[in-house]
Amino acid sequence: MNLTGFNQSDRCEHFSCPERSVSPAVYILLYVCSAAVVLLTVCGNLLVIISVLHFKQLHTPTNMLVLSLAVLDFLVGIFLMLPMLTRTVESCWIFGRDFCTVFLISDFFLSLSIHNIALIAVDRYLALTNPFFYMNRVSVRITCVVIIFDWCVMVIYIIAFMYFNGNFTISVMCPGECLIIVNEVWTVIDLIYSFIFPLSVIIILYTRVFVIAKKHATAIRELNNHTRPKTQKITSHSMKSERKAAKVLGILVSVFLVCLLPYFIYSLLGDVIELQLETIQTLMIILYLNSTINPVIYALFYPWFRRCIKLVITLQIYQTDSALINVHS
């Protein structure tokens, strides 16, 4: 996902360092808010990582995908969010050439977020359409292999991007700005790989998921009309759990798309729509903020995550057999 890239038609002179015109109080406030956002992103996703890794009850295929997404969001908070927010406040890149290289390479891994969301869509689709196949064949181990494979493909893609793109340059291209100059061919390739293909998978599969979930709910409701109260209670509880899981993951995907779409609409219509650098950076920050929002979604809709936070903060995870605690109770 070439968020900091520009094609050959862009001009360097648009990215000089303007003088800061805000008051010292506003300047300090912007940095305090930036630090708070970064801290919330890092700590929130770290709690998700610790929770899923530590508690054995959470070792499920779906939660492995949630773990992978949390790792990506954690890396975004460490390597991307603070430099981007600082560049926005300063209207200038102040970290030098070496960190620019780290920043731009790390930016590619943000593509894994949308691929990870696509894998979650595949996971939910298989769980609903082929529940017996899913229970017997989709294991934590297989899911981890798929995740590792996806990460490896991204590494290969980055290497190919750097090798075949003749105009690829990682450096401070303009005074005070950290950019990649990308030719038009690789701009199209990156757009398809990083956005169009995974987005198509997400939309198609989640549309199918909610259609199938609605059919299942109708079928269970009709079945309940012909069963005894005890059975009705059990099936209703099962139906409620499945619908809640689909709802939470649907919210996760929806928030991601809301954060993602503005920048990529600009990417698709970049030759038609001319935006100021500040506007482009704002669109990128909105995308990065998805990494901050995800743990908040877990905290709002997953009781097990709130319980895990309490156990981690109170250091109860260091107790004997704490990994076996029932966090769903």
Protein backbone atom coordinates (compact mmCIF):
# COMPACT_ATOMS: atom_id res chain seq x y z
CA MET A 1 0.00 0.00 0.00
CA ASN A 2 1.99 2.93 -1.30
CA LEU A 3 0.54 5.60 0.96
CA THR A 4 3.54 7.88 0.71
CA GLY A 5 4.17 7.31 -2.98
CA PHE A 6 3.70 9.75 -5.83
CA ASN A 7 3.85 9.08 -9.54
CA GLN A 8 6.15 10.82 -11.97
CA SER A 9 3.68 13.59 -12.71
CA ASP A 10 3.99 15.01 -9.18
CA ARG A 11 6.38 17.87 -8.66
CA CYS A 12 8.90 18.27 -5.87
CA GLU A 13 8.27 21.94 -5.34
CA HIS A 14 4.90 21.21 -3.72
CA PHE A 15 6.64 19.74 -0.69
CA SER A 16 8.87 22.46 0.68
CA CYS A 17 8.79 23.20 4.40
CA PRO A 18 6.47 26.11 5.20
CA GLU A 19 6.98 28.11 8.33
CA ARG A 20 4.89 27.03 11.31
CA SER A 21 2.18 29.64 11.93
CA VAL A 22 0.46 28.18 15.01
CA SER A 23 0.85 29.47 18.54
CA PRO A 24 3.13 27.62 21.00
CA ALA A 25 0.10 26.48 23.03
CA VAL A 26 -1.59 24.95 19.97
CA TYR A 27 1.73 23.45 18.90
CA ILE A 28 2.16 21.72 22.29
CA LEU A 29 -1.48 20.60 22.29
CA LEU A 30 -1.04 18.99 18.86
CA TYR A 31 1.96 17.04 20.10
CA VAL A 32 0.16 15.96 23.28
CA CYS A 33 -2.82 14.71 21.24
CA SER A 34 -0.48 12.94 18.83
CA ALA A 35 1.36 11.24 21.70
CA ALA A 36 -1.97 10.19 23.25
CA VAL A 37 -3.17 8.64 19.99
CA VAL A 38 0.10 6.75 19.50
CA LEU A 39 0.07 5.54 23.13
CA LEU A 40 -3.55 4.36 22.83
CA THR A 41 -2.73 2.54 19.59
CA VAL A 42 0.36 0.79 20.94
CA CYS A 43 -1.07 -0.12 24.36
CA GLY A 44 -4.50 -1.15 23.04
CA ASN A 45 -3.11 -3.51 20.44
CA LEU A 46 -0.48 -4.81 22.86
CA LEU A 47 -3.30 -5.83 25.20
CA VAL A 48 -4.99 -7.71 22.35
CA ILE A 49 -1.71 -9.47 21.51
CA ILE A 50 -1.04 -10.48 25.12
CA SER A 51 -4.63 -11.65 25.63
CA VAL A 52 -4.80 -13.89 22.56
CA LEU A 53 -1.32 -15.32 23.10
CA HIS A 54 -1.69 -15.96 26.84
CA PHE A 55 -5.18 -17.37 27.32
CA LYS A 56 -5.56 -20.81 25.78
CA GLN A 57 -9.33 -20.42 25.51
CA LEU A 58 -8.71 -17.70 22.92
CA HIS A 59 -6.56 -19.94 20.70
CA THR A 60 -9.07 -20.23 17.86
CA PRO A 61 -8.58 -19.77 14.09
CA THR A 62 -10.57 -16.52 14.06
CA ASN A 63 -8.64 -15.10 17.01
CA MET A 64 -5.35 -15.91 15.23
CA LEU A 65 -6.48 -13.57 12.47
CA VAL A 66 -7.43 -10.99 15.09
CA LEU A 67 -3.94 -11.45 16.58
CA SER A 68 -2.31 -10.90 13.19
CA LEU A 69 -4.34 -7.72 12.69
CA ALA A 70 -3.38 -6.50 16.19
CA VAL A 71 0.32 -7.09 15.43
CA LEU A 72 0.00 -5.04 12.25
CA ASP A 73 -1.83 -2.26 14.11
CA PHE A 74 0.85 -2.35 16.82
CA LEU A 75 3.58 -1.91 14.18
CA VAL A 76 1.62 0.94 12.60
CA GLY A 77 1.56 2.69 15.99
CA ILE A 78 5.31 2.27 16.47
CA PHE A 79 6.76 2.89 13.02
CA LEU A 80 4.19 4.90 11.07
CA MET A 81 1.77 6.87 13.22
CA LEU A 82 4.18 9.06 15.19
CA PRO A 83 6.30 10.09 12.15
CA MET A 84 3.16 10.84 10.14
CA LEU A 85 1.56 12.90 12.92
CA THR A 86 4.85 14.72 13.50
CA ARG A 87 5.18 15.48 9.80
CA THR A 88 1.65 16.88 9.83
CA VAL A 89 2.34 19.11 12.84
CA GLU A 90 5.70 20.31 11.53
CA SER A 91 4.60 20.44 7.85
CA CYS A 92 7.99 18.90 7.22
CA TRP A 93 9.96 15.62 7.50
CA ILE A 94 12.42 16.01 10.38
CA PHE A 95 13.68 12.45 10.91
CA GLY A 96 16.35 12.27 8.23
CA ARG A 97 17.13 9.90 5.36
CA ASP A 98 17.71 6.66 7.30
CA PHE A 99 14.41 6.70 9.18
CA CYS A 100 12.68 7.74 5.97
CA THR A 101 13.79 4.38 4.56
CA VAL A 102 12.37 2.52 7.57
CA PHE A 103 9.16 4.55 7.39
CA LEU A 104 8.54 3.90 3.71
CA ILE A 105 9.31 0.17 3.86
CA SER A 106 7.10 -0.20 6.95
CA ASP A 107 4.34 1.58 5.08
CA PHE A 108 4.10 -1.31 2.62
CA PHE A 109 3.14 -3.69 5.43
CA LEU A 110 -0.02 -1.68 6.00
CA SER A 111 -1.29 -3.54 2.92
CA LEU A 112 -1.38 -6.63 5.11
CA SER A 113 -4.20 -5.06 7.13
CA ILE A 114 -6.67 -5.21 4.25
CA HIS A 115 -5.41 -8.69 3.32
CA ASN A 116 -5.94 -9.71 6.95
CA ILE A 117 -9.49 -8.34 6.87
CA ALA A 118 -10.03 -10.35 3.67
CA LEU A 119 -8.85 -13.50 5.48
CA ILE A 120 -11.33 -12.79 8.28
CA ALA A 121 -14.06 -12.58 5.64
CA VAL A 122 -12.94 -15.95 4.22
CA ASP A 123 -12.90 -17.41 7.74
CA ARG A 124 -16.47 -16.30 8.48
CA TYR A 125 -17.66 -17.43 5.05
CA LEU A 126 -16.26 -20.94 5.53
CA ALA A 127 -17.63 -21.15 9.08
CA LEU A 128 -21.16 -20.41 7.87
CA THR A 129 -21.25 -22.20 4.52
CA ASN A 130 -19.25 -25.31 5.46
CA PRO A 131 -19.42 -25.65 9.26
CA PHE A 132 -18.37 -29.34 9.29
CA PHE A 133 -15.44 -28.69 6.97
CA TYR A 134 -14.49 -25.65 9.04
CA MET A 135 -14.56 -27.54 12.34
CA ASN A 136 -12.60 -30.52 11.00
CA ARG A 137 -10.09 -28.86 8.68
CA VAL A 138 -9.59 -25.22 9.73
CA SER A 139 -7.32 -25.38 12.77
CA VAL A 140 -5.20 -22.86 14.62
CA ARG A 141 -2.09 -24.37 13.02
CA ILE A 142 -3.44 -24.08 9.47
CA THR A 143 -4.59 -20.52 10.11
CA CYS A 144 -1.11 -19.59 11.39
CA VAL A 145 0.45 -21.12 8.26
CA VAL A 146 -1.86 -19.04 6.06
CA ILE A 147 -0.98 -15.88 8.01
CA ILE A 148 2.76 -16.55 7.75
CA PHE A 149 2.37 -17.26 4.03
CA ASP A 150 0.57 -13.92 3.59
CA TRP A 151 3.37 -12.10 5.40
CA CYS A 152 5.98 -13.86 3.23
CA VAL A 153 4.12 -12.90 0.05
CA MET A 154 4.23 -9.29 1.20
CA VAL A 155 8.02 -9.48 1.69
CA ILE A 156 8.40 -10.91 -1.81
CA TYR A 157 6.15 -8.20 -3.18
CA ILE A 158 8.27 -5.47 -1.56
CA ILE A 159 11.46 -6.98 -2.99
CA ALA A 160 9.86 -7.19 -6.45
CA PHE A 161 8.62 -3.61 -6.14
CA MET A 162 12.10 -2.37 -5.33
CA TYR A 163 13.79 -4.49 -8.02
CA PHE A 164 11.52 -4.00 -11.03
CA ASN A 165 10.43 -0.42 -10.53
CA GLY A 166 13.21 1.52 -12.18
CA ASN A 167 12.12 4.85 -10.69
CA PHE A 168 11.76 3.51 -7.16
CA THR A 169 13.76 5.64 -4.74
CA ILE A 170 13.75 5.58 -0.97
CA SER A 171 15.12 8.90 0.17
CA VAL A 172 14.18 12.39 1.20
CA MET A 173 13.21 13.37 -2.31
CA CYS A 174 12.43 17.01 -1.63
CA PRO A 175 13.57 19.43 1.07
CA GLY A 176 11.89 18.27 4.24
CA GLU A 177 9.76 15.53 2.65
CA CYS A 178 9.98 11.73 2.62
CA LEU A 179 8.59 10.33 -0.63
CA ILE A 180 8.63 7.44 -3.07
CA ILE A 181 8.53 8.19 -6.78
CA VAL A 182 6.64 5.35 -8.46
CA ASN A 183 6.11 4.78 -12.17
CA GLU A 184 2.60 4.41 -13.55
CA VAL A 185 2.82 0.64 -14.13
CA TRP A 186 3.68 -0.11 -10.50
CA THR A 187 1.09 2.39 -9.32
CA VAL A 188 -1.59 0.27 -11.05
CA ILE A 189 -0.07 -3.01 -9.78
CA ASP A 190 0.08 -1.69 -6.22
CA LEU A 191 -3.50 -0.44 -6.39
CA ILE A 192 -4.79 -3.83 -7.58
CA TYR A 193 -2.74 -5.88 -5.09
CA SER A 194 -3.19 -3.59 -2.10
CA PHE A 195 -6.77 -2.49 -2.56
CA ILE A 196 -8.98 -3.64 -5.45
CA PHE A 197 -8.47 -7.41 -5.10
CA PRO A 198 -8.76 -7.71 -1.27
CA LEU A 199 -11.62 -5.18 -1.18
CA SER A 200 -13.53 -7.22 -3.77
CA VAL A 201 -13.04 -10.36 -1.66
CA ILE A 202 -14.27 -8.55 1.47
CA ILE A 203 -17.39 -7.11 -0.15
CA ILE A 204 -18.40 -10.30 -1.98
CA LEU A 205 -17.81 -12.67 0.95
CA TYR A 206 -19.35 -10.45 3.63
CA THR A 207 -22.40 -9.92 1.47
CA ARG A 208 -22.71 -13.70 1.27
CA VAL A 209 -22.07 -14.06 5.01
CA PHE A 210 -24.93 -11.77 6.00
CA VAL A 211 -27.31 -13.31 3.46
CA ILE A 212 -26.52 -16.80 4.77
CA ALA A 213 -26.71 -15.65 8.40
CA LYS A 214 -30.17 -14.21 7.73
CA LYS A 215 -31.31 -17.51 6.18
CA HIS A 216 -29.94 -19.44 9.16
CA ALA A 217 -31.72 -17.16 11.60
CA THR A 218 -35.01 -17.63 9.74
CA ALA A 219 -34.56 -21.42 9.65
CA ILE A 220 -33.77 -21.59 13.37
CA ARG A 221 -36.75 -19.40 14.20
CA GLU A 222 -39.06 -21.70 12.25
CA LEU A 223 -37.51 -24.74 13.93
CA ASN A 224 -38.06 -23.20 17.35
CA ASN A 225 -41.77 -22.91 16.63
CA HIS A 226 -41.94 -26.72 16.53
CA THR A 227 -39.64 -27.61 19.42
CA ARG A 228 -39.98 -27.69 23.15
CA PRO A 229 -39.01 -24.64 25.24
CA LYS A 230 -35.71 -26.10 26.44
CA THR A 231 -34.48 -26.74 22.92
CA GLN A 232 -35.75 -23.36 21.86
CA LYS A 233 -33.68 -21.73 24.58
CA ILE A 234 -30.53 -23.53 23.46
CA THR A 235 -30.92 -22.80 19.76
CA SER A 236 -31.87 -19.20 20.46
CA HIS A 237 -28.72 -18.76 22.53
CA SER A 238 -26.62 -20.32 19.77
CA MET A 239 -28.22 -18.12 17.15
CA LYS A 240 -27.66 -15.03 19.28
CA SER A 241 -23.96 -15.88 19.74
CA GLU A 242 -23.40 -16.41 16.01
CA ARG A 243 -25.21 -13.22 15.11
CA LYS A 244 -23.23 -11.25 17.68
CA ALA A 245 -19.93 -12.62 16.34
CA ALA A 246 -20.93 -11.72 12.79
CA LYS A 247 -22.05 -8.27 13.96
CA VAL A 248 -18.76 -7.47 15.73
CA LEU A 249 -16.62 -8.62 12.81
CA GLY A 250 -18.94 -6.74 10.47
CA ILE A 251 -18.39 -3.55 12.49
CA LEU A 252 -14.63 -4.18 12.40
CA VAL A 253 -14.70 -4.51 8.62
CA SER A 254 -17.03 -1.52 8.17
CA VAL A 255 -14.83 0.78 10.26
CA PHE A 256 -11.78 -0.38 8.33
CA LEU A 257 -13.44 0.39 5.00
CA VAL A 258 -14.63 3.81 6.21
CA CYS A 259 -11.04 4.66 7.16
CA LEU A 260 -9.60 3.13 3.99
CA LEU A 261 -11.91 4.34 1.25
CA PRO A 262 -11.23 8.12 1.32
CA TYR A 263 -7.54 7.73 0.55
CA PHE A 264 -8.03 5.10 -2.12
CA ILE A 265 -10.80 7.07 -3.81
CA TYR A 266 -8.21 9.79 -4.08
CA SER A 267 -5.70 7.22 -5.41
CA LEU A 268 -8.14 6.12 -8.10
CA LEU A 269 -9.11 9.68 -9.05
CA GLY A 270 -5.75 11.33 -8.35
CA ASP A 271 -5.40 12.58 -11.91
CA VAL A 272 -8.88 14.15 -11.79
CA ILE A 273 -8.95 15.47 -8.21
CA GLU A 274 -6.15 17.81 -7.15
CA LEU A 275 -5.73 18.02 -3.39
CA GLN A 276 -3.40 19.98 -1.15
CA LEU A 277 -0.64 18.06 0.63
CA GLU A 278 -2.33 18.77 3.97
CA THR A 279 -5.54 17.14 2.73
CA ILE A 280 -3.68 14.07 1.48
CA GLN A 281 -1.91 13.73 4.84
CA THR A 282 -5.28 14.01 6.61
CA LEU A 283 -6.63 11.11 4.52
CA MET A 284 -3.56 9.05 5.45
CA ILE A 285 -3.99 9.85 9.15
CA ILE A 286 -7.64 8.73 8.98
CA LEU A 287 -6.40 5.41 7.57
CA TYR A 288 -3.81 5.05 10.33
CA LEU A 289 -6.43 5.83 12.97
CA ASN A 290 -8.13 2.53 12.14
CA SER A 291 -5.28 0.90 14.09
CA THR A 292 -6.34 2.96 17.12
CA ILE A 293 -10.05 2.20 16.74
CA ASN A 294 -9.79 -1.61 16.46
CA PRO A 295 -8.93 -2.27 20.16
CA VAL A 296 -11.74 0.11 21.14
CA ILE A 297 -14.17 -2.03 19.10
CA TYR A 298 -12.95 -5.15 20.91
CA ALA A 299 -13.39 -3.43 24.28
CA LEU A 300 -16.92 -2.26 23.43
CA PHE A 301 -18.27 -5.50 21.98
CA TYR A 302 -16.15 -8.35 23.39
CA PRO A 303 -16.69 -9.05 27.12
CA TRP A 304 -13.76 -11.48 27.02
CA PHE A 305 -11.43 -8.65 25.99
CA ARG A 306 -12.54 -6.46 28.89
CA ARG A 307 -11.95 -9.38 31.26
CA CYS A 308 -8.52 -9.96 29.73
CA ILE A 309 -7.60 -6.30 30.19
CA LYS A 310 -8.48 -6.57 33.89
CA LEU A 311 -6.39 -9.74 34.29
CA VAL A 312 -3.41 -8.22 32.47
CA ILE A 313 -3.48 -4.85 34.26
CA THR A 314 -3.83 -6.51 37.70
CA LEU A 315 -0.92 -8.85 36.79
CA GLN A 316 -3.05 -11.94 37.42
CA ILE A 317 -1.60 -13.46 34.25
CA TYR A 318 1.56 -14.20 36.26
CA GLN A 319 -0.34 -16.55 38.55
CA THR A 320 -0.04 -20.31 38.15
CA ASP A 321 -2.33 -21.73 35.45
CA SER A 322 -3.62 -18.26 34.59
CA ALA A 323 -3.58 -19.28 30.93
CA LEU A 324 -6.45 -21.67 31.69
CA ILE A 325 -8.75 -19.00 33.15
CA ASN A 326 -12.20 -18.98 31.55
CA VAL A 327 -12.27 -15.47 30.09
CA HIS A 328 -15.71 -16.03 28.55
CA SER A 329 -17.40 -16.42 31.94
